[in-house]
Every structure is written in structure tokens, then in C-alpha cells.
Amino acid sequence: MVPYLLAQSIAYVLITYPMIGYSWNAYKVFWYFYSMFCTLLYFTYMGMMIVSFTPTFPVAAILQSSFYTMFNLFSGFIIPQPKIPKWWLWFYYLMPTSWTLNGMLTSQYGDVEKEITVFGEKKTFAAFVKDYFGFHHDRLQWSQIMPKSNVTLIIFIALELVTAKKIPGATYTGMIYLVVSR
């Protein structure tokens, strides 16, 4: 699964990075690639885990749509982090999409000091990303760690449920790829 996702990420970056017009330096290209690769990893593994834990495909589709809605709603793009109510902020920090989006946007724009006019006031790209989205350039290290942690957590939960025999018909070998034998 990982080699396929790696190839898919490389192809995606080679096509979209020049089309978007981001700055061409190795640091920024790597962060864009890393963000896309982690996004593909956790969306794929989460989908496979949900499909393997549910009795039928329609139940899995319903459950996945609710998970993906939460992933996107609390990513910090639809509702920026400063606008999320304080009692829901823990969910924002739990979502892997918030960390990859933070890593992608702050790596691309967090060090850009070009002035832009936004909402009638002049500020730098870096200040806009920090003020509007709540994405801080100093959290870039966390943006590297958290997506890996989320993928590892998804796989760990799946393996724990299988080894505890809470999923009938699941095998350890099958859960390495997050597939349940039915």
C-alpha cells in the first residue's frame, strides 16, 4: 500500500506544484510532498479500517462520510482555528488534517514577507496565515510528527481490536493491511 501511495504522491506533486505556482525550493517542495503523502496515508488507512470493522459496505460508507466530514470541518480551513469555539478546539488538535494543512500552508507562506491587502488592511503573507488561519510557523515540527502519530494510532487500534478478538473473523495477517477476512 505504501509504495503505491508514495508513487501517487510523487505524481500528484509533479503535476500540481507547478500549476499552483508555489516557490521552487527543495524545502517547500518536500513539505508539500510530505503533506500530500501523509494525507493520502491517513485517509486510506482510516477508510480501510472502517470498512474492515463494519458488517456491510453501506454501513461503512455512512460511517466514513461522518469521519471525513469531521476531518474536513475541523481542519482549520472551512472554519479557521481562531473561529472554532473553545470547547471544540481539542477536536481541531486531534484531527490529522489540521496538522497537514498547517504544515503545508506555513511551509509555503509562513516565511513570505510580501505585503498583501486582506479585508482592507495591509499585512504580510506570514501574518495573514497566522492571524486568519491560526497556523504558526513555529508549529512546523508538530506538523511533521502528528500525521505520523495519527497513522500509527489508527493501525495500533486496528491491531489491538484484532488481537483482543473483538472482531469476529479478523486475522492478524489480514489486519496488517487492515482487511478483515469475512
N, C-alpha and C. Protein backbone atom coordinates (compact mmCIF):
# COMPACT_ATOMS: atom_id res chain seq x y z
N MET A 1 0.82 -1.18 0.00
CA MET A 1 0.00 0.00 0.00
C MET A 1 0.87 1.26 0.00
N VAL A 2 1.93 1.27 0.82
CA VAL A 2 2.76 2.47 0.93
C VAL A 2 3.49 2.80 -0.38
N PRO A 3 4.07 1.82 -1.09
CA PRO A 3 4.71 2.18 -2.36
C PRO A 3 3.74 2.79 -3.37
N TYR A 4 2.52 2.27 -3.41
CA TYR A 4 1.52 2.83 -4.31
C TYR A 4 1.19 4.27 -3.91
N LEU A 5 0.99 4.53 -2.61
CA LEU A 5 0.68 5.88 -2.15
C LEU A 5 1.87 6.81 -2.35
N LEU A 6 3.09 6.29 -2.22
CA LEU A 6 4.28 7.08 -2.47
C LEU A 6 4.35 7.51 -3.94
N ALA A 7 4.10 6.56 -4.83
CA ALA A 7 4.09 6.88 -6.27
C ALA A 7 2.97 7.86 -6.60
N GLN A 8 1.81 7.67 -5.99
CA GLN A 8 0.69 8.57 -6.23
C GLN A 8 1.01 9.98 -5.73
N SER A 9 1.67 10.08 -4.59
CA SER A 9 2.05 11.39 -4.05
C SER A 9 3.06 12.09 -4.94
N ILE A 10 4.04 11.34 -5.42
CA ILE A 10 5.05 11.93 -6.31
C ILE A 10 4.39 12.44 -7.59
N ALA A 11 3.52 11.64 -8.18
CA ALA A 11 2.82 12.07 -9.39
C ALA A 11 1.96 13.31 -9.12
N TYR A 12 1.28 13.32 -7.99
CA TYR A 12 0.42 14.45 -7.63
C TYR A 12 1.25 15.73 -7.47
N VAL A 13 2.38 15.62 -6.78
CA VAL A 13 3.23 16.80 -6.56
C VAL A 13 3.81 17.29 -7.87
N LEU A 14 4.27 16.38 -8.74
CA LEU A 14 4.84 16.78 -10.02
C LEU A 14 3.83 17.51 -10.90
N ILE A 15 2.56 17.16 -10.77
CA ILE A 15 1.53 17.81 -11.58
C ILE A 15 1.04 19.11 -10.94
N THR A 16 0.72 19.06 -9.64
CA THR A 16 0.05 20.21 -9.02
C THR A 16 0.98 21.31 -8.52
N TYR A 17 2.19 20.97 -8.10
CA TYR A 17 3.07 22.00 -7.53
C TYR A 17 3.37 23.11 -8.54
N PRO A 18 3.75 22.78 -9.77
CA PRO A 18 3.98 23.86 -10.74
C PRO A 18 2.69 24.59 -11.13
N MET A 19 1.57 23.87 -11.14
CA MET A 19 0.30 24.50 -11.51
C MET A 19 -0.14 25.54 -10.48
N ILE A 20 0.10 25.27 -9.22
CA ILE A 20 -0.28 26.21 -8.16
C ILE A 20 0.64 27.42 -8.19
N GLY A 21 1.90 27.22 -8.53
CA GLY A 21 2.83 28.34 -8.62
C GLY A 21 3.57 28.63 -7.32
N TYR A 22 3.74 27.61 -6.48
CA TYR A 22 4.50 27.79 -5.25
C TYR A 22 5.96 28.05 -5.58
N SER A 23 6.68 28.56 -4.57
CA SER A 23 8.10 28.85 -4.72
C SER A 23 8.88 27.55 -4.90
N TRP A 24 9.81 27.56 -5.86
CA TRP A 24 10.60 26.37 -6.14
C TRP A 24 11.86 26.35 -5.29
N ASN A 25 11.77 25.78 -4.10
CA ASN A 25 12.98 25.44 -3.36
C ASN A 25 12.74 24.09 -2.71
N ALA A 26 13.82 23.37 -2.47
CA ALA A 26 13.72 21.97 -2.04
C ALA A 26 12.92 21.83 -0.74
N TYR A 27 13.10 22.75 0.18
CA TYR A 27 12.41 22.71 1.47
C TYR A 27 10.90 22.77 1.28
N LYS A 28 10.44 23.67 0.47
CA LYS A 28 8.99 23.85 0.27
C LYS A 28 8.39 22.71 -0.55
N VAL A 29 9.12 22.22 -1.54
CA VAL A 29 8.63 21.08 -2.33
C VAL A 29 8.51 19.84 -1.44
N PHE A 30 9.51 19.63 -0.59
CA PHE A 30 9.46 18.47 0.31
C PHE A 30 8.26 18.56 1.25
N TRP A 31 8.03 19.72 1.84
CA TRP A 31 6.89 19.86 2.75
C TRP A 31 5.57 19.64 2.04
N TYR A 32 5.45 20.11 0.82
CA TYR A 32 4.23 19.88 0.04
C TYR A 32 4.05 18.38 -0.21
N PHE A 33 5.14 17.73 -0.62
CA PHE A 33 5.09 16.28 -0.84
C PHE A 33 4.74 15.54 0.45
N TYR A 34 5.39 15.91 1.55
CA TYR A 34 5.15 15.24 2.82
C TYR A 34 3.69 15.41 3.27
N SER A 35 3.14 16.60 3.10
CA SER A 35 1.75 16.85 3.47
C SER A 35 0.80 15.99 2.64
N MET A 36 1.04 15.90 1.35
CA MET A 36 0.17 15.10 0.49
C MET A 36 0.30 13.61 0.79
N PHE A 37 1.53 13.16 1.04
CA PHE A 37 1.75 11.75 1.34
C PHE A 37 1.04 11.36 2.64
N CYS A 38 1.20 12.16 3.69
CA CYS A 38 0.53 11.86 4.96
C CYS A 38 -0.98 11.91 4.83
N THR A 39 -1.48 12.86 4.05
CA THR A 39 -2.92 12.95 3.85
C THR A 39 -3.44 11.69 3.17
N LEU A 40 -2.78 11.24 2.14
CA LEU A 40 -3.19 10.01 1.47
C LEU A 40 -3.10 8.82 2.42
N LEU A 41 -2.05 8.77 3.23
CA LEU A 41 -1.89 7.66 4.17
C LEU A 41 -3.05 7.58 5.16
N TYR A 42 -3.34 8.68 5.84
CA TYR A 42 -4.36 8.53 6.88
C TYR A 42 -5.76 8.45 6.32
N PHE A 43 -6.03 9.05 5.17
CA PHE A 43 -7.37 8.85 4.58
C PHE A 43 -7.53 7.41 4.10
N THR A 44 -6.50 6.85 3.52
CA THR A 44 -6.57 5.46 3.03
C THR A 44 -6.70 4.48 4.19
N TYR A 45 -5.84 4.61 5.19
CA TYR A 45 -5.88 3.68 6.32
C TYR A 45 -7.15 3.84 7.14
N MET A 46 -7.62 5.05 7.31
CA MET A 46 -8.86 5.23 8.05
C MET A 46 -10.02 4.58 7.30
N GLY A 47 -10.07 4.78 5.99
CA GLY A 47 -11.11 4.15 5.20
C GLY A 47 -11.05 2.64 5.25
N MET A 48 -9.84 2.08 5.14
CA MET A 48 -9.70 0.63 5.20
C MET A 48 -10.08 0.08 6.58
N MET A 49 -9.73 0.83 7.62
CA MET A 49 -10.07 0.37 8.96
C MET A 49 -11.59 0.38 9.17
N ILE A 50 -12.24 1.42 8.73
CA ILE A 50 -13.69 1.50 8.91
C ILE A 50 -14.40 0.42 8.11
N VAL A 51 -13.95 0.18 6.89
CA VAL A 51 -14.56 -0.87 6.06
C VAL A 51 -14.36 -2.24 6.72
N SER A 52 -13.19 -2.45 7.30
CA SER A 52 -12.93 -3.76 7.90
C SER A 52 -13.68 -3.98 9.22
N PHE A 53 -14.08 -2.93 9.89
CA PHE A 53 -14.77 -3.07 11.17
C PHE A 53 -16.28 -3.08 11.06
N THR A 54 -16.81 -2.74 9.92
CA THR A 54 -18.26 -2.68 9.78
C THR A 54 -18.78 -3.93 9.09
N PRO A 55 -20.02 -4.31 9.37
CA PRO A 55 -20.54 -5.56 8.82
C PRO A 55 -20.83 -5.50 7.32
N THR A 56 -21.24 -4.33 6.82
CA THR A 56 -21.56 -4.21 5.40
C THR A 56 -20.97 -2.93 4.84
N PHE A 57 -20.87 -2.90 3.51
CA PHE A 57 -20.32 -1.72 2.86
C PHE A 57 -21.18 -0.47 3.06
N PRO A 58 -22.53 -0.55 2.99
CA PRO A 58 -23.32 0.66 3.22
C PRO A 58 -23.12 1.27 4.61
N VAL A 59 -22.95 0.44 5.62
CA VAL A 59 -22.69 0.95 6.97
C VAL A 59 -21.33 1.66 6.99
N ALA A 60 -20.36 1.07 6.32
CA ALA A 60 -19.02 1.68 6.24
C ALA A 60 -19.08 3.02 5.51
N ALA A 61 -19.85 3.10 4.45
CA ALA A 61 -19.96 4.35 3.69
C ALA A 61 -20.58 5.46 4.55
N ILE A 62 -21.59 5.12 5.32
CA ILE A 62 -22.23 6.11 6.19
C ILE A 62 -21.25 6.56 7.28
N LEU A 63 -20.55 5.60 7.88
CA LEU A 63 -19.60 5.94 8.93
C LEU A 63 -18.43 6.75 8.39
N GLN A 64 -17.93 6.38 7.20
CA GLN A 64 -16.83 7.12 6.60
C GLN A 64 -17.22 8.55 6.27
N SER A 65 -18.44 8.75 5.80
CA SER A 65 -18.85 10.11 5.46
C SER A 65 -18.86 11.00 6.71
N SER A 66 -19.24 10.44 7.85
CA SER A 66 -19.22 11.26 9.07
C SER A 66 -17.79 11.55 9.51
N PHE A 67 -16.89 10.56 9.39
CA PHE A 67 -15.49 10.80 9.75
C PHE A 67 -14.86 11.83 8.81
N TYR A 68 -15.08 11.69 7.53
CA TYR A 68 -14.47 12.62 6.58
C TYR A 68 -15.04 14.02 6.72
N THR A 69 -16.30 14.13 7.10
CA THR A 69 -16.89 15.44 7.36
C THR A 69 -16.18 16.10 8.54
N MET A 70 -15.95 15.35 9.59
CA MET A 70 -15.24 15.90 10.75
C MET A 70 -13.79 16.25 10.40
N PHE A 71 -13.14 15.37 9.61
CA PHE A 71 -11.77 15.67 9.18
C PHE A 71 -11.71 17.01 8.46
N ASN A 72 -12.65 17.27 7.57
CA ASN A 72 -12.63 18.49 6.79
C ASN A 72 -13.15 19.70 7.56
N LEU A 73 -14.18 19.50 8.36
CA LEU A 73 -14.76 20.61 9.11
C LEU A 73 -13.78 21.18 10.12
N PHE A 74 -13.05 20.32 10.79
CA PHE A 74 -12.13 20.77 11.83
C PHE A 74 -10.68 20.82 11.35
N SER A 75 -10.46 20.94 10.05
CA SER A 75 -9.10 21.03 9.54
C SER A 75 -8.51 22.42 9.72
N GLY A 76 -9.36 23.42 9.94
CA GLY A 76 -8.87 24.79 10.09
C GLY A 76 -8.98 25.58 8.81
N PHE A 77 -9.56 25.00 7.78
CA PHE A 77 -9.72 25.71 6.51
C PHE A 77 -11.15 26.22 6.34
N ILE A 78 -12.13 25.35 6.53
CA ILE A 78 -13.53 25.76 6.42
C ILE A 78 -13.88 26.69 7.58
N ILE A 79 -13.55 26.28 8.79
CA ILE A 79 -13.67 27.14 9.96
C ILE A 79 -12.24 27.35 10.47
N PRO A 80 -11.69 28.55 10.31
CA PRO A 80 -10.31 28.78 10.77
C PRO A 80 -10.19 28.55 12.28
N GLN A 81 -9.02 28.14 12.69
CA GLN A 81 -8.78 27.79 14.10
C GLN A 81 -9.17 28.89 15.08
N PRO A 82 -8.89 30.18 14.82
CA PRO A 82 -9.32 31.20 15.78
C PRO A 82 -10.84 31.33 15.90
N LYS A 83 -11.60 30.87 14.90
CA LYS A 83 -13.06 30.98 14.92
C LYS A 83 -13.75 29.75 15.51
N ILE A 84 -13.00 28.67 15.73
CA ILE A 84 -13.59 27.46 16.32
C ILE A 84 -13.87 27.74 17.79
N PRO A 85 -15.07 27.43 18.27
CA PRO A 85 -15.36 27.64 19.69
C PRO A 85 -14.37 26.91 20.58
N LYS A 86 -14.04 27.51 21.71
CA LYS A 86 -13.00 26.96 22.60
C LYS A 86 -13.31 25.54 23.05
N TRP A 87 -14.59 25.21 23.21
CA TRP A 87 -14.93 23.87 23.69
C TRP A 87 -14.76 22.82 22.60
N TRP A 88 -14.57 23.23 21.33
CA TRP A 88 -14.32 22.28 20.24
C TRP A 88 -12.86 22.29 19.79
N LEU A 89 -12.03 23.10 20.42
CA LEU A 89 -10.64 23.23 19.98
C LEU A 89 -9.85 21.93 20.13
N TRP A 90 -10.18 21.12 21.13
CA TRP A 90 -9.49 19.85 21.31
C TRP A 90 -9.68 18.95 20.09
N PHE A 91 -10.87 19.05 19.46
CA PHE A 91 -11.15 18.24 18.27
C PHE A 91 -10.31 18.71 17.10
N TYR A 92 -10.08 20.01 17.01
CA TYR A 92 -9.21 20.58 15.97
C TYR A 92 -7.80 20.00 16.10
N TYR A 93 -7.27 19.97 17.31
CA TYR A 93 -5.91 19.44 17.53
C TYR A 93 -5.84 17.93 17.35
N LEU A 94 -6.94 17.24 17.46
CA LEU A 94 -6.99 15.79 17.28
C LEU A 94 -7.03 15.41 15.80
N MET A 95 -7.57 16.27 14.95
CA MET A 95 -7.74 15.96 13.53
C MET A 95 -6.39 15.99 12.80
N PRO A 96 -6.06 14.94 12.07
CA PRO A 96 -4.80 14.93 11.32
C PRO A 96 -4.79 15.95 10.19
N THR A 97 -5.95 16.28 9.64
CA THR A 97 -5.99 17.25 8.54
C THR A 97 -5.56 18.64 9.00
N SER A 98 -5.81 18.98 10.25
CA SER A 98 -5.39 20.31 10.73
C SER A 98 -3.87 20.40 10.76
N TRP A 99 -3.21 19.30 11.10
CA TRP A 99 -1.74 19.33 11.16
C TRP A 99 -1.11 19.34 9.78
N THR A 100 -1.66 18.58 8.84
CA THR A 100 -1.07 18.59 7.50
C THR A 100 -1.35 19.91 6.79
N LEU A 101 -2.54 20.47 7.00
CA LEU A 101 -2.84 21.78 6.41
C LEU A 101 -1.95 22.85 7.02
N ASN A 102 -1.74 22.78 8.32
CA ASN A 102 -0.84 23.70 8.99
C ASN A 102 0.57 23.58 8.41
N GLY A 103 1.04 22.35 8.26
CA GLY A 103 2.38 22.13 7.71
C GLY A 103 2.50 22.63 6.28
N MET A 104 1.48 22.36 5.47
CA MET A 104 1.54 22.77 4.07
C MET A 104 1.49 24.29 3.92
N LEU A 105 0.55 24.94 4.59
CA LEU A 105 0.41 26.39 4.42
C LEU A 105 1.54 27.18 5.09
N THR A 106 1.97 26.76 6.27
CA THR A 106 3.05 27.51 6.91
C THR A 106 4.39 27.26 6.24
N SER A 107 4.60 26.09 5.66
CA SER A 107 5.86 25.87 4.94
C SER A 107 5.89 26.68 3.65
N GLN A 108 4.74 26.88 3.03
CA GLN A 108 4.70 27.65 1.78
C GLN A 108 4.66 29.16 2.02
N TYR A 109 3.89 29.59 3.02
CA TYR A 109 3.67 31.03 3.20
C TYR A 109 4.15 31.58 4.54
N GLY A 110 4.56 30.73 5.46
CA GLY A 110 4.94 31.19 6.80
C GLY A 110 6.18 32.05 6.85
N ASP A 111 7.01 32.01 5.81
CA ASP A 111 8.22 32.83 5.79
C ASP A 111 8.17 33.90 4.70
N VAL A 112 7.02 34.09 4.06
CA VAL A 112 6.89 35.08 2.99
C VAL A 112 6.53 36.43 3.61
N GLU A 113 7.38 37.40 3.40
CA GLU A 113 7.19 38.73 4.00
C GLU A 113 6.62 39.74 3.00
N LYS A 114 6.09 39.26 1.89
CA LYS A 114 5.48 40.15 0.90
C LYS A 114 4.17 40.69 1.46
N GLU A 115 3.93 41.99 1.27
CA GLU A 115 2.72 42.62 1.80
C GLU A 115 1.54 42.38 0.85
N ILE A 116 0.40 42.06 1.44
CA ILE A 116 -0.83 41.89 0.70
C ILE A 116 -1.93 42.69 1.40
N THR A 117 -3.00 42.99 0.68
CA THR A 117 -4.14 43.67 1.28
C THR A 117 -5.25 42.65 1.46
N VAL A 118 -5.63 42.43 2.72
CA VAL A 118 -6.65 41.46 3.06
C VAL A 118 -7.67 42.13 3.97
N PHE A 119 -8.94 42.03 3.61
CA PHE A 119 -10.02 42.61 4.40
C PHE A 119 -9.77 44.09 4.68
N GLY A 120 -9.19 44.78 3.70
CA GLY A 120 -8.98 46.22 3.80
C GLY A 120 -7.75 46.65 4.57
N GLU A 121 -6.93 45.74 5.02
CA GLU A 121 -5.71 46.11 5.74
C GLU A 121 -4.50 45.41 5.14
N LYS A 122 -3.34 46.07 5.27
CA LYS A 122 -2.10 45.52 4.72
C LYS A 122 -1.41 44.68 5.78
N LYS A 123 -1.00 43.48 5.38
CA LYS A 123 -0.21 42.61 6.25
C LYS A 123 0.59 41.66 5.38
N THR A 124 1.57 41.01 5.97
CA THR A 124 2.39 40.07 5.21
C THR A 124 1.64 38.75 5.07
N PHE A 125 2.09 37.93 4.10
CA PHE A 125 1.52 36.59 3.95
C PHE A 125 1.63 35.82 5.25
N ALA A 126 2.81 35.88 5.87
CA ALA A 126 3.04 35.14 7.11
C ALA A 126 2.08 35.58 8.21
N ALA A 127 1.86 36.88 8.33
CA ALA A 127 0.96 37.39 9.36
C ALA A 127 -0.49 36.99 9.07
N PHE A 128 -0.87 36.99 7.79
CA PHE A 128 -2.23 36.58 7.44
C PHE A 128 -2.48 35.12 7.77
N VAL A 129 -1.54 34.26 7.41
CA VAL A 129 -1.69 32.82 7.71
C VAL A 129 -1.77 32.60 9.22
N LYS A 130 -1.01 33.36 9.98
CA LYS A 130 -1.02 33.22 11.43
C LYS A 130 -2.30 33.80 12.04
N ASP A 131 -2.70 34.98 11.61
CA ASP A 131 -3.87 35.64 12.21
C ASP A 131 -5.19 35.02 11.78
N TYR A 132 -5.34 34.74 10.49
CA TYR A 132 -6.63 34.28 9.99
C TYR A 132 -6.84 32.78 10.22
N PHE A 133 -5.84 31.98 9.85
CA PHE A 133 -5.97 30.53 9.96
C PHE A 133 -5.48 29.98 11.30
N GLY A 134 -4.67 30.74 12.02
CA GLY A 134 -4.11 30.24 13.27
C GLY A 134 -2.97 29.26 13.04
N PHE A 135 -2.38 29.28 11.86
CA PHE A 135 -1.28 28.38 11.54
C PHE A 135 0.03 29.09 11.86
N HIS A 136 0.77 28.56 12.80
CA HIS A 136 2.01 29.18 13.26
C HIS A 136 3.20 28.45 12.65
N HIS A 137 4.15 29.22 12.15
CA HIS A 137 5.34 28.64 11.53
C HIS A 137 6.17 27.87 12.55
N ASP A 138 6.11 28.27 13.82
CA ASP A 138 6.88 27.56 14.84
C ASP A 138 6.29 26.20 15.22
N ARG A 139 5.10 25.88 14.72
CA ARG A 139 4.50 24.55 14.95
C ARG A 139 4.79 23.58 13.81
N LEU A 140 5.70 23.96 12.95
CA LEU A 140 6.00 23.13 11.78
C LEU A 140 6.54 21.75 12.19
N GLN A 141 7.30 21.69 13.28
CA GLN A 141 7.82 20.39 13.75
C GLN A 141 6.66 19.49 14.17
N TRP A 142 5.65 20.05 14.82
CA TRP A 142 4.49 19.27 15.22
C TRP A 142 3.73 18.79 14.01
N SER A 143 3.74 19.58 12.95
CA SER A 143 3.06 19.18 11.71
C SER A 143 3.76 18.00 11.06
N GLN A 144 5.00 17.78 11.41
CA GLN A 144 5.72 16.62 10.90
C GLN A 144 5.41 15.39 11.75
N ILE A 145 5.26 15.57 13.04
CA ILE A 145 5.09 14.44 13.96
C ILE A 145 3.65 13.95 14.01
N MET A 146 2.69 14.85 14.07
CA MET A 146 1.30 14.48 14.33
C MET A 146 0.67 13.59 13.25
N PRO A 147 0.84 13.85 11.95
CA PRO A 147 0.24 12.92 10.97
C PRO A 147 0.79 11.50 11.08
N LYS A 148 2.09 11.37 11.35
CA LYS A 148 2.66 10.03 11.55
C LYS A 148 2.04 9.38 12.77
N SER A 149 1.86 10.15 13.82
CA SER A 149 1.26 9.62 15.04
C SER A 149 -0.17 9.16 14.80
N ASN A 150 -0.92 9.91 14.01
CA ASN A 150 -2.31 9.53 13.73
C ASN A 150 -2.38 8.24 12.91
N VAL A 151 -1.52 8.09 11.92
CA VAL A 151 -1.50 6.86 11.13
C VAL A 151 -1.11 5.69 12.02
N THR A 152 -0.11 5.87 12.86
CA THR A 152 0.32 4.82 13.78
C THR A 152 -0.80 4.46 14.75
N LEU A 153 -1.51 5.45 15.25
CA LEU A 153 -2.61 5.20 16.16
C LEU A 153 -3.74 4.42 15.50
N ILE A 154 -4.07 4.75 14.27
CA ILE A 154 -5.11 4.03 13.54
C ILE A 154 -4.72 2.55 13.39
N ILE A 155 -3.47 2.30 12.99
CA ILE A 155 -3.01 0.92 12.81
C ILE A 155 -2.96 0.20 14.16
N PHE A 156 -2.51 0.88 15.21
CA PHE A 156 -2.46 0.27 16.54
C PHE A 156 -3.84 -0.12 17.04
N ILE A 157 -4.81 0.76 16.89
CA ILE A 157 -6.18 0.44 17.32
C ILE A 157 -6.71 -0.77 16.56
N ALA A 158 -6.47 -0.80 15.26
CA ALA A 158 -6.93 -1.94 14.46
C ALA A 158 -6.29 -3.24 14.93
N LEU A 159 -4.99 -3.22 15.17
CA LEU A 159 -4.30 -4.43 15.61
C LEU A 159 -4.72 -4.84 17.02
N GLU A 160 -4.96 -3.89 17.89
CA GLU A 160 -5.41 -4.21 19.25
C GLU A 160 -6.78 -4.87 19.23
N LEU A 161 -7.68 -4.37 18.41
CA LEU A 161 -9.00 -4.96 18.33
C LEU A 161 -8.95 -6.38 17.78
N VAL A 162 -8.04 -6.61 16.84
CA VAL A 162 -7.92 -7.95 16.26
C VAL A 162 -7.31 -8.92 17.26
N THR A 163 -6.23 -8.50 17.93
CA THR A 163 -5.57 -9.41 18.86
C THR A 163 -6.42 -9.65 20.10
N ALA A 164 -7.31 -8.74 20.44
CA ALA A 164 -8.22 -8.95 21.57
C ALA A 164 -9.44 -9.76 21.15
N LYS A 165 -9.48 -10.16 19.88
CA LYS A 165 -10.57 -10.97 19.33
C LYS A 165 -11.94 -10.29 19.45
N LYS A 166 -11.94 -8.96 19.37
CA LYS A 166 -13.20 -8.24 19.43
C LYS A 166 -13.87 -8.16 18.07
N ILE A 167 -13.12 -8.53 17.04
CA ILE A 167 -13.68 -8.53 15.70
C ILE A 167 -13.74 -9.97 15.23
N PRO A 168 -14.93 -10.54 15.11
CA PRO A 168 -15.03 -11.92 14.67
C PRO A 168 -14.54 -12.10 13.24
N GLY A 169 -13.75 -13.11 13.02
CA GLY A 169 -13.28 -13.42 11.68
C GLY A 169 -12.04 -12.67 11.25
N ALA A 170 -11.53 -11.76 12.06
CA ALA A 170 -10.36 -11.00 11.68
C ALA A 170 -9.10 -11.79 11.97
N THR A 171 -8.12 -11.64 11.14
CA THR A 171 -6.85 -12.32 11.35
C THR A 171 -5.75 -11.29 11.49
N TYR A 172 -4.70 -11.65 12.21
CA TYR A 172 -3.60 -10.73 12.43
C TYR A 172 -2.93 -10.36 11.12
N THR A 173 -2.67 -11.36 10.28
CA THR A 173 -2.04 -11.09 8.99
C THR A 173 -2.91 -10.18 8.14
N GLY A 174 -4.20 -10.41 8.18
CA GLY A 174 -5.10 -9.56 7.39
C GLY A 174 -5.14 -8.15 7.88
N MET A 175 -4.99 -7.94 9.19
CA MET A 175 -5.08 -6.58 9.72
C MET A 175 -3.82 -5.77 9.49
N ILE A 176 -2.72 -6.41 9.13
CA ILE A 176 -1.54 -5.64 8.76
C ILE A 176 -1.93 -4.71 7.60
N TYR A 177 -2.74 -5.18 6.70
CA TYR A 177 -3.25 -4.36 5.60
C TYR A 177 -4.65 -3.83 5.90
N LEU A 178 -5.08 -4.00 7.15
CA LEU A 178 -6.38 -3.52 7.61
C LEU A 178 -7.54 -4.11 6.81
N VAL A 179 -7.45 -5.40 6.59
CA VAL A 179 -8.52 -6.11 5.88
C VAL A 179 -9.01 -7.23 6.77
N VAL A 180 -10.30 -7.37 6.89
CA VAL A 180 -10.88 -8.43 7.69
C VAL A 180 -11.35 -9.53 6.76
N SER A 181 -10.96 -10.77 7.07
CA SER A 181 -11.47 -11.89 6.28
C SER A 181 -12.88 -12.20 6.74
N ARG A 182 -13.80 -12.28 5.84
CA ARG A 182 -15.20 -12.48 6.21
C ARG A 182 -15.61 -13.90 5.90
